[in-house]
């Protein structure tokens, strides 16, 4: 690869916030960023959840990775953290809105609470607060700092293929259960991930003149020790006939954060083996 083209993907010295950094994808995002010279700032509710990981990344790559405790549903904490990061590094260059609840609700023997008819308002509020309101608050405060840069920066919202299509509830059916006991993908996942697409389009036009780009990645499912029957069923609905490996989103993230995608703005990028093409 020509040296000048390779440099387009570098993130040298870029300070990039990752929410939900303790999760499976959050850790992979951090690895991708630091391996290309960036400085990942790992946000989690509890600093110990990501502190060891940050130390290992820093030791392996010989550059900064920092863990910080922030509740992204608390605007004051986000505002104060944004100021702290700017004092420490002088800038913020990027934001990966990755945090989300994984809405799996157990039944109590009488009702399956994943079903819409029974879904608790309290859990709806919690899921929306983390996955959607949290992304808005992070964009508001970290994004404002990105807009202060002479050359702007990049915001990447992690949506889902289920932000582009409805969940196929047949995947979750279990033999021997009545219809009102059948498990389903809860409503909040689709609502939050679709909402992130709307937020992406808004942000893409809001600071564009300041060089701040905003795009959404829509990953598909990740192979992660699911039962064989489920893997067979879900793979049959994907043209590539498989779920993703956990590291297969790193290249797309690097492209979206780096100057390699300097004219990409307001894009909704499905990375799901072709599932939404059917």
Foldseek 3Di string as FASTA:
>chain_A
DPPVLVLQLACAAAEEEEEPLLDLLNVLQCLLNVQRHYAYEYEDQDQVSCQVVQVVSCVVRVDGYHYDHADLLDLVRLQVVLVVVCVVRVAHAEYELDDFDQDDAPDPVPARCLDPVNPDPVVLVVRCSRLPVSVVSNCVRNVVRQLPDQQRFEYEYEAAVLLVPPDPQVLQADPPDDPRHGHGRHPSNNVSRVNVLVVQQVVLPPSVVSNYAYEYEHEYDEDDPDDPVSQQVVLVLAPVSGHHHSNPCSVVSSCRGGSVPSVDHSYYHYDYNCNVVD
